Each structure stands twice: as C-alpha cells, then as structure tokens.
C-alpha cells in the first residue's frame, strides 16, 4: 500500500452532492480560506490591499459576490490523509460549508473571477493603471514630510 487514501473508482458509483467529499483526495477546501472585504475604491483602500497581498500565500480576487482575500494556508487540523482531526468539534463554519462549488470538478482559475491578483506585482500594475497618479502620491507625501 502506498499510503494514499483508498478512493472508490469514479465510474462505479454516481457522484452526488451527498457523496462528493468521499471522492476527494486532497481536501482542497481545507487548504485555504477566503475573507470577504469591502470593495476598494480609493488609493488608500488599494494601498491597504497591497499591504495584505504582501503577506505570504495571500491573493485578492473579485467575483459576482464581491471582493475577497484568498489565503492559501492549510488548516492545521487536516491530517495527511485528508481527514479532519477535530471533525466532531470542528468550527461551525466548517459544518456549514457545502460542496456546491468545490474544486473536485477542477481547480479554480483566474478565468473564474472578474479580477484576480495572484501577487503584489499584479495588484500594483492594476493600481497604476486605475489611478494615473498612483506613484505621485509618494512624492507628494515626501514633500509634506520635508516641508
């Protein structure tokens, strides 16, 4: 045995919403978290997003439901075989989670979002395009400090 989770062959059992999780090999839904954020509008809002996305494994996206931080960080209670080590005491958000939009059908890609910023550089490029005077704000702040 190679240590992998024994999985039923997909062709033998019809996959439904009720049994889909038992076919999942990686517990992908437990390897990241998303947090909805207020829609950024001002340069200050986007500057805050740049700070947030500067943190390791953090991305930003916008979809039909709004703006979100995506933190790619595995749950500490996820066993190597994909089981939840605190299943009976898991948080309510885990209990409420559905597999309606799960990655079992395939990973999310940047085409699933209206806007997707995988890193600081991508968001910075967007800020510079959206706000023509983006870089001038630093020069203005320097003049105020030196005045």
N, C-alpha and C. Protein backbone atom coordinates (compact mmCIF):
# COMPACT_ATOMS: atom_id res chain seq x y z
N UNK A 1 0.85 -1.19 0.00
CA UNK A 1 0.00 0.00 0.00
C UNK A 1 0.89 1.24 0.00
N UNK A 2 0.55 2.23 -0.79
CA UNK A 2 1.40 3.40 -0.95
C UNK A 2 1.07 4.55 0.00
N UNK A 3 0.13 4.37 0.91
CA UNK A 3 -0.21 5.41 1.87
C UNK A 3 -1.27 6.38 1.40
N UNK A 4 -1.72 6.25 0.16
CA UNK A 4 -2.77 7.15 -0.33
C UNK A 4 -4.12 6.72 0.22
N UNK A 5 -5.05 7.64 0.19
CA UNK A 5 -6.40 7.36 0.69
C UNK A 5 -7.08 6.42 -0.29
N UNK A 6 -7.67 5.33 0.23
CA UNK A 6 -8.39 4.46 -0.70
C UNK A 6 -9.62 5.17 -1.24
N UNK A 7 -9.71 5.30 -2.53
CA UNK A 7 -10.81 6.01 -3.18
C UNK A 7 -11.55 5.04 -4.09
N UNK A 8 -12.88 5.11 -4.03
CA UNK A 8 -13.69 4.29 -4.92
C UNK A 8 -13.48 4.76 -6.36
N UNK A 9 -13.36 3.85 -7.30
CA UNK A 9 -13.28 4.29 -8.69
C UNK A 9 -14.51 5.11 -9.07
N UNK A 10 -14.29 6.25 -9.69
CA UNK A 10 -15.37 7.17 -10.00
C UNK A 10 -16.43 6.52 -10.88
N UNK A 11 -16.06 5.65 -11.79
CA UNK A 11 -17.01 5.05 -12.71
C UNK A 11 -17.99 4.09 -12.06
N UNK A 12 -17.72 3.61 -10.85
CA UNK A 12 -18.56 2.60 -10.21
C UNK A 12 -19.74 3.19 -9.44
N UNK A 13 -19.59 4.37 -8.92
CA UNK A 13 -20.62 4.97 -8.08
C UNK A 13 -20.93 6.35 -8.63
N UNK A 14 -22.22 6.66 -8.83
CA UNK A 14 -22.54 8.01 -9.30
C UNK A 14 -22.14 9.05 -8.24
N UNK A 15 -21.51 10.11 -8.68
CA UNK A 15 -21.09 11.17 -7.75
C UNK A 15 -22.24 12.14 -7.58
N UNK A 16 -22.60 12.38 -6.32
CA UNK A 16 -23.67 13.31 -5.97
C UNK A 16 -23.14 14.31 -4.96
N UNK A 17 -23.92 15.33 -4.68
CA UNK A 17 -23.52 16.31 -3.67
C UNK A 17 -23.34 15.64 -2.31
N UNK A 18 -24.11 14.61 -2.04
CA UNK A 18 -24.04 13.93 -0.75
C UNK A 18 -22.77 13.11 -0.58
N UNK A 19 -22.21 12.57 -1.67
CA UNK A 19 -21.05 11.70 -1.51
C UNK A 19 -19.76 12.26 -2.14
N UNK A 20 -19.83 13.44 -2.69
CA UNK A 20 -18.70 14.01 -3.43
C UNK A 20 -17.43 14.08 -2.58
N UNK A 21 -17.56 14.44 -1.31
CA UNK A 21 -16.38 14.60 -0.46
C UNK A 21 -15.61 13.29 -0.29
N UNK A 22 -16.31 12.16 -0.34
CA UNK A 22 -15.62 10.88 -0.17
C UNK A 22 -14.73 10.54 -1.37
N UNK A 23 -14.90 11.22 -2.48
CA UNK A 23 -14.07 11.00 -3.66
C UNK A 23 -12.86 11.94 -3.69
N UNK A 24 -12.86 12.94 -2.87
CA UNK A 24 -11.81 13.96 -2.89
C UNK A 24 -10.52 13.40 -2.28
N UNK A 25 -9.41 13.62 -2.97
CA UNK A 25 -8.12 13.12 -2.48
C UNK A 25 -7.35 14.16 -1.66
N UNK A 26 -7.58 15.42 -1.91
CA UNK A 26 -6.72 16.42 -1.29
C UNK A 26 -7.35 17.32 -0.26
N UNK A 27 -8.65 17.17 0.00
CA UNK A 27 -9.35 18.09 0.92
C UNK A 27 -8.99 19.53 0.59
N UNK A 28 -9.07 19.87 -0.68
CA UNK A 28 -8.67 21.19 -1.16
C UNK A 28 -9.39 22.30 -0.41
N UNK A 29 -10.65 22.07 -0.04
CA UNK A 29 -11.42 23.12 0.65
C UNK A 29 -10.82 23.46 2.01
N UNK A 30 -9.92 22.62 2.51
CA UNK A 30 -9.30 22.87 3.81
C UNK A 30 -7.86 23.37 3.67
N UNK A 31 -7.49 23.82 2.48
CA UNK A 31 -6.12 24.28 2.26
C UNK A 31 -6.04 25.79 2.00
N UNK A 32 -7.15 26.48 2.19
CA UNK A 32 -7.17 27.93 2.01
C UNK A 32 -8.37 28.49 2.77
N UNK A 33 -8.38 29.79 2.91
CA UNK A 33 -9.57 30.46 3.44
C UNK A 33 -9.79 31.73 2.64
N UNK A 34 -11.04 32.13 2.58
CA UNK A 34 -11.37 33.39 1.92
C UNK A 34 -12.07 34.28 2.93
N UNK A 35 -11.84 35.56 2.80
CA UNK A 35 -12.48 36.55 3.67
C UNK A 35 -13.01 37.66 2.79
N UNK A 36 -14.32 37.87 2.82
CA UNK A 36 -14.89 38.96 2.03
C UNK A 36 -14.47 40.29 2.63
N UNK A 37 -14.15 41.22 1.76
CA UNK A 37 -13.70 42.54 2.18
C UNK A 37 -14.55 43.60 1.49
N UNK A 38 -14.54 44.81 2.04
CA UNK A 38 -15.25 45.91 1.40
C UNK A 38 -14.60 46.19 0.04
N UNK A 39 -15.42 46.55 -0.91
CA UNK A 39 -14.91 46.87 -2.25
C UNK A 39 -13.95 48.05 -2.16
N UNK A 40 -12.72 47.88 -2.61
CA UNK A 40 -11.77 49.00 -2.58
C UNK A 40 -12.15 50.04 -3.63
N UNK A 41 -12.09 51.31 -3.22
CA UNK A 41 -12.45 52.38 -4.14
C UNK A 41 -11.33 53.44 -4.25
N UNK A 42 -10.74 53.76 -3.15
CA UNK A 42 -9.75 54.84 -3.12
C UNK A 42 -8.33 54.29 -3.21
N UNK A 43 -7.38 55.20 -3.41
CA UNK A 43 -5.97 54.80 -3.40
C UNK A 43 -5.60 54.22 -2.04
N UNK A 44 -6.16 54.79 -0.98
CA UNK A 44 -5.87 54.27 0.35
C UNK A 44 -6.37 52.84 0.51
N UNK A 45 -7.55 52.55 -0.03
CA UNK A 45 -8.08 51.18 0.02
C UNK A 45 -7.15 50.21 -0.71
N UNK A 46 -6.70 50.61 -1.88
CA UNK A 46 -5.82 49.73 -2.66
C UNK A 46 -4.44 49.62 -2.02
N UNK A 47 -3.99 50.68 -1.36
CA UNK A 47 -2.72 50.62 -0.65
C UNK A 47 -2.80 49.58 0.47
N UNK A 48 -3.93 49.53 1.17
CA UNK A 48 -4.14 48.52 2.21
C UNK A 48 -4.12 47.12 1.60
N UNK A 49 -4.76 46.96 0.44
CA UNK A 49 -4.73 45.66 -0.24
C UNK A 49 -3.30 45.26 -0.62
N UNK A 50 -2.50 46.22 -1.04
CA UNK A 50 -1.10 45.92 -1.36
C UNK A 50 -0.37 45.41 -0.13
N UNK A 51 -0.65 45.98 1.02
CA UNK A 51 -0.04 45.50 2.26
C UNK A 51 -0.50 44.07 2.55
N UNK A 52 -1.81 43.82 2.39
CA UNK A 52 -2.33 42.49 2.68
C UNK A 52 -1.75 41.44 1.73
N UNK A 53 -1.70 41.75 0.45
CA UNK A 53 -1.21 40.79 -0.53
C UNK A 53 0.31 40.61 -0.43
N UNK A 54 0.98 41.50 0.29
CA UNK A 54 2.41 41.36 0.52
C UNK A 54 2.72 40.20 1.46
N UNK A 55 1.73 39.74 2.17
CA UNK A 55 1.92 38.61 3.08
C UNK A 55 1.90 37.31 2.30
N UNK A 56 2.76 36.43 2.70
CA UNK A 56 2.95 35.16 2.01
C UNK A 56 1.64 34.41 1.81
N UNK A 57 1.47 33.85 0.63
CA UNK A 57 0.33 32.99 0.28
C UNK A 57 -1.01 33.72 0.27
N UNK A 58 -0.99 35.03 0.05
CA UNK A 58 -2.23 35.81 0.03
C UNK A 58 -2.46 36.34 -1.38
N UNK A 59 -3.69 36.21 -1.82
CA UNK A 59 -4.11 36.71 -3.13
C UNK A 59 -5.40 37.50 -2.95
N UNK A 60 -5.81 38.22 -3.98
CA UNK A 60 -7.04 39.01 -3.94
C UNK A 60 -7.83 38.71 -5.20
N UNK A 61 -9.15 38.60 -5.03
CA UNK A 61 -9.99 38.43 -6.22
C UNK A 61 -11.33 39.11 -6.04
N UNK A 62 -11.99 39.33 -7.18
CA UNK A 62 -13.34 39.87 -7.21
C UNK A 62 -14.16 38.93 -8.08
N UNK A 63 -15.34 38.56 -7.56
CA UNK A 63 -16.26 37.76 -8.36
C UNK A 63 -17.66 38.33 -8.22
N UNK A 64 -18.66 37.58 -8.60
CA UNK A 64 -20.05 38.06 -8.54
C UNK A 64 -20.49 38.43 -7.13
N UNK A 65 -19.85 37.85 -6.12
CA UNK A 65 -20.23 38.11 -4.73
C UNK A 65 -19.46 39.26 -4.09
N UNK A 66 -18.45 39.80 -4.77
CA UNK A 66 -17.70 40.92 -4.22
C UNK A 66 -16.21 40.67 -4.23
N UNK A 67 -15.51 41.37 -3.33
CA UNK A 67 -14.05 41.30 -3.22
C UNK A 67 -13.66 40.38 -2.07
N UNK A 68 -12.56 39.64 -2.25
CA UNK A 68 -12.13 38.67 -1.25
C UNK A 68 -10.61 38.61 -1.15
N UNK A 69 -10.16 38.35 0.08
CA UNK A 69 -8.78 37.93 0.29
C UNK A 69 -8.79 36.41 0.22
N UNK A 70 -7.82 35.85 -0.44
CA UNK A 70 -7.65 34.40 -0.54
C UNK A 70 -6.31 34.08 0.11
N UNK A 71 -6.36 33.35 1.22
CA UNK A 71 -5.15 32.98 1.94
C UNK A 71 -4.93 31.49 1.76
N UNK A 72 -3.89 31.15 1.02
CA UNK A 72 -3.57 29.75 0.75
C UNK A 72 -2.73 29.21 1.90
N UNK A 73 -3.44 28.65 2.87
CA UNK A 73 -2.80 28.17 4.08
C UNK A 73 -3.60 26.99 4.61
N UNK A 74 -2.99 25.85 4.65
CA UNK A 74 -3.62 24.60 5.04
C UNK A 74 -4.12 24.65 6.49
N UNK A 75 -5.30 24.10 6.73
CA UNK A 75 -5.83 24.01 8.09
C UNK A 75 -4.90 23.13 8.93
N UNK A 76 -4.62 23.56 10.13
CA UNK A 76 -3.71 22.80 11.00
C UNK A 76 -4.32 21.50 11.50
N UNK A 77 -5.64 21.34 11.34
CA UNK A 77 -6.32 20.12 11.79
C UNK A 77 -6.53 19.11 10.66
N UNK A 78 -5.93 19.36 9.51
CA UNK A 78 -6.07 18.46 8.36
C UNK A 78 -4.97 17.41 8.41
N UNK A 79 -5.38 16.15 8.52
CA UNK A 79 -4.42 15.05 8.56
C UNK A 79 -3.81 14.84 7.18
N UNK A 80 -2.69 14.16 7.15
CA UNK A 80 -2.02 13.89 5.88
C UNK A 80 -2.90 13.11 4.91
N UNK A 81 -3.83 12.32 5.44
CA UNK A 81 -4.71 11.54 4.57
C UNK A 81 -5.99 12.28 4.20
N UNK A 82 -6.08 13.57 4.57
CA UNK A 82 -7.22 14.40 4.18
C UNK A 82 -8.37 14.43 5.17
N UNK A 83 -8.26 13.68 6.25
CA UNK A 83 -9.33 13.69 7.26
C UNK A 83 -9.16 14.87 8.20
N UNK A 84 -10.29 15.30 8.78
CA UNK A 84 -10.27 16.36 9.79
C UNK A 84 -10.00 15.74 11.15
N UNK A 85 -8.97 16.22 11.83
CA UNK A 85 -8.59 15.67 13.13
C UNK A 85 -9.50 16.14 14.26
N UNK A 86 -10.31 17.16 14.01
CA UNK A 86 -11.24 17.66 15.03
C UNK A 86 -12.67 17.63 14.50
N UNK A 87 -12.97 16.64 13.68
CA UNK A 87 -14.24 16.59 12.96
C UNK A 87 -15.45 16.79 13.88
N UNK A 88 -15.49 16.10 15.01
CA UNK A 88 -16.66 16.20 15.89
C UNK A 88 -16.70 17.51 16.66
N UNK A 89 -15.60 18.22 16.74
CA UNK A 89 -15.54 19.52 17.43
C UNK A 89 -15.20 20.65 16.47
N UNK A 90 -15.34 20.42 15.17
CA UNK A 90 -14.95 21.42 14.17
C UNK A 90 -15.80 22.69 14.30
N UNK A 91 -15.24 23.82 13.89
CA UNK A 91 -15.97 25.09 13.96
C UNK A 91 -17.24 25.07 13.10
N UNK A 92 -18.17 25.93 13.45
CA UNK A 92 -19.45 25.99 12.75
C UNK A 92 -19.29 26.30 11.27
N UNK A 93 -18.32 27.16 10.93
CA UNK A 93 -18.11 27.49 9.51
C UNK A 93 -17.78 26.24 8.71
N UNK A 94 -17.07 25.30 9.30
CA UNK A 94 -16.76 24.03 8.63
C UNK A 94 -18.02 23.18 8.50
N UNK A 95 -18.85 23.20 9.53
CA UNK A 95 -20.10 22.43 9.48
C UNK A 95 -21.05 22.99 8.43
N UNK A 96 -21.05 24.31 8.26
CA UNK A 96 -21.96 24.95 7.31
C UNK A 96 -21.46 24.88 5.87
N UNK A 97 -20.19 24.56 5.68
CA UNK A 97 -19.60 24.53 4.34
C UNK A 97 -20.30 23.48 3.47
N UNK A 98 -20.63 23.88 2.25
CA UNK A 98 -21.21 22.93 1.30
C UNK A 98 -20.20 22.68 0.18
N UNK A 99 -20.44 21.63 -0.56
CA UNK A 99 -19.54 21.33 -1.67
C UNK A 99 -20.15 21.73 -3.00
N UNK A 100 -21.10 22.66 -2.97
CA UNK A 100 -21.74 23.11 -4.21
C UNK A 100 -20.74 23.64 -5.23
N UNK A 101 -19.77 24.41 -4.77
CA UNK A 101 -18.77 25.00 -5.66
C UNK A 101 -17.38 24.49 -5.30
N UNK A 102 -17.25 23.20 -5.15
CA UNK A 102 -15.96 22.68 -4.70
C UNK A 102 -15.01 22.45 -5.87
N UNK A 103 -13.75 22.31 -5.54
CA UNK A 103 -12.69 22.15 -6.53
C UNK A 103 -12.61 20.72 -7.05
N UNK A 104 -13.46 19.83 -6.58
CA UNK A 104 -13.45 18.45 -7.06
C UNK A 104 -13.64 18.41 -8.58
N UNK A 105 -14.48 19.30 -9.08
CA UNK A 105 -14.72 19.35 -10.53
C UNK A 105 -13.54 19.94 -11.29
N UNK A 106 -12.63 20.55 -10.59
CA UNK A 106 -11.46 21.16 -11.21
C UNK A 106 -11.05 22.38 -10.41
N UNK A 107 -9.78 22.73 -10.45
CA UNK A 107 -9.33 23.88 -9.67
C UNK A 107 -9.87 25.18 -10.23
N UNK A 108 -10.02 26.14 -9.32
CA UNK A 108 -10.41 27.48 -9.75
C UNK A 108 -9.25 28.06 -10.55
N UNK A 109 -9.59 28.83 -11.52
CA UNK A 109 -8.57 29.51 -12.31
C UNK A 109 -8.89 30.98 -12.39
N UNK A 110 -7.95 31.75 -12.90
CA UNK A 110 -8.16 33.19 -12.95
C UNK A 110 -9.36 33.56 -13.83
N UNK A 111 -9.78 32.65 -14.73
CA UNK A 111 -10.94 32.96 -15.56
C UNK A 111 -12.26 32.80 -14.81
N UNK A 112 -12.20 32.29 -13.56
CA UNK A 112 -13.40 32.17 -12.74
C UNK A 112 -13.73 33.47 -12.01
N UNK A 113 -12.87 34.47 -12.13
CA UNK A 113 -13.01 35.71 -11.39
C UNK A 113 -13.13 36.89 -12.35
N UNK A 114 -13.80 37.95 -11.88
CA UNK A 114 -13.83 39.19 -12.65
C UNK A 114 -12.46 39.87 -12.59
N UNK A 115 -11.84 39.81 -11.43
CA UNK A 115 -10.49 40.33 -11.22
C UNK A 115 -9.75 39.31 -10.37
N UNK A 116 -8.50 39.04 -10.68
CA UNK A 116 -7.69 38.12 -9.89
C UNK A 116 -6.27 38.66 -9.82
N UNK A 117 -5.77 38.81 -8.60
CA UNK A 117 -4.43 39.34 -8.38
C UNK A 117 -3.63 38.30 -7.60
N UNK A 118 -2.76 37.56 -8.29
CA UNK A 118 -2.03 36.49 -7.63
C UNK A 118 -0.90 36.98 -6.72
N UNK A 119 -0.47 38.23 -6.94
CA UNK A 119 0.66 38.72 -6.15
C UNK A 119 0.70 40.25 -6.14
N UNK A 120 1.64 40.76 -5.38
CA UNK A 120 1.83 42.20 -5.21
C UNK A 120 2.01 42.90 -6.55
N UNK A 121 2.84 42.33 -7.40
CA UNK A 121 3.16 42.97 -8.67
C UNK A 121 1.93 43.13 -9.56
N UNK A 122 1.07 42.12 -9.58
CA UNK A 122 -0.15 42.19 -10.40
C UNK A 122 -1.09 43.27 -9.87
N UNK A 123 -1.24 43.35 -8.55
CA UNK A 123 -2.12 44.36 -7.98
C UNK A 123 -1.52 45.76 -8.16
N UNK A 124 -0.22 45.88 -8.01
CA UNK A 124 0.43 47.18 -8.21
C UNK A 124 0.24 47.66 -9.65
N UNK A 125 0.38 46.77 -10.61
CA UNK A 125 0.17 47.15 -12.02
C UNK A 125 -1.27 47.63 -12.23
N UNK A 126 -2.23 46.97 -11.60
CA UNK A 126 -3.63 47.38 -11.70
C UNK A 126 -3.82 48.77 -11.07
N UNK A 127 -3.21 49.00 -9.91
CA UNK A 127 -3.32 50.30 -9.24
C UNK A 127 -2.76 51.41 -10.12
N UNK A 128 -1.63 51.15 -10.74
CA UNK A 128 -1.02 52.16 -11.61
C UNK A 128 -1.88 52.45 -12.82
N UNK A 129 -2.58 51.45 -13.31
CA UNK A 129 -3.46 51.65 -14.46
C UNK A 129 -4.75 52.36 -14.04
N UNK A 130 -5.29 51.99 -12.90
CA UNK A 130 -6.55 52.56 -12.44
C UNK A 130 -6.39 54.01 -11.98
N UNK A 131 -5.29 54.28 -11.28
CA UNK A 131 -5.03 55.63 -10.76
C UNK A 131 -3.80 56.17 -11.48
N UNK A 132 -4.01 57.09 -12.39
CA UNK A 132 -2.91 57.62 -13.21
C UNK A 132 -1.84 58.30 -12.37
N UNK A 133 -2.22 58.81 -11.21
CA UNK A 133 -1.26 59.50 -10.34
C UNK A 133 -0.82 58.61 -9.17
N UNK A 134 -0.89 57.30 -9.35
CA UNK A 134 -0.58 56.36 -8.27
C UNK A 134 0.81 56.61 -7.66
N UNK A 135 1.83 56.69 -8.48
CA UNK A 135 3.20 56.85 -7.97
C UNK A 135 3.47 58.26 -7.45
N UNK A 136 2.70 59.23 -7.89
CA UNK A 136 2.91 60.61 -7.44
C UNK A 136 2.55 60.79 -5.98
N UNK A 137 1.74 59.93 -5.42
CA UNK A 137 1.34 60.09 -4.02
C UNK A 137 2.53 59.98 -3.09
N UNK A 138 3.55 59.20 -3.46
CA UNK A 138 4.75 59.09 -2.64
C UNK A 138 5.55 60.38 -2.68
N UNK A 139 5.64 60.98 -3.85
CA UNK A 139 6.37 62.24 -3.98
C UNK A 139 5.67 63.34 -3.20
N UNK A 140 4.34 63.36 -3.26
CA UNK A 140 3.58 64.37 -2.51
C UNK A 140 3.76 64.17 -1.02
N UNK A 141 3.77 62.92 -0.57
CA UNK A 141 3.95 62.65 0.86
C UNK A 141 5.35 63.06 1.31
N UNK A 142 6.36 62.85 0.45
CA UNK A 142 7.73 63.25 0.77
C UNK A 142 7.87 64.75 0.89
N UNK A 143 7.19 65.50 0.04
CA UNK A 143 7.24 66.96 0.10
C UNK A 143 6.60 67.47 1.39
N UNK A 144 5.49 66.83 1.80
CA UNK A 144 4.83 67.25 3.04
C UNK A 144 5.73 66.98 4.23
N UNK A 145 6.39 65.84 4.24
CA UNK A 145 7.25 65.48 5.36
C UNK A 145 8.48 66.40 5.44
N UNK A 146 8.99 66.81 4.29
CA UNK A 146 10.18 67.66 4.25
C UNK A 146 9.89 69.14 4.38
N UNK A 147 8.63 69.52 4.32
CA UNK A 147 8.27 70.94 4.35
C UNK A 147 8.41 71.54 5.71
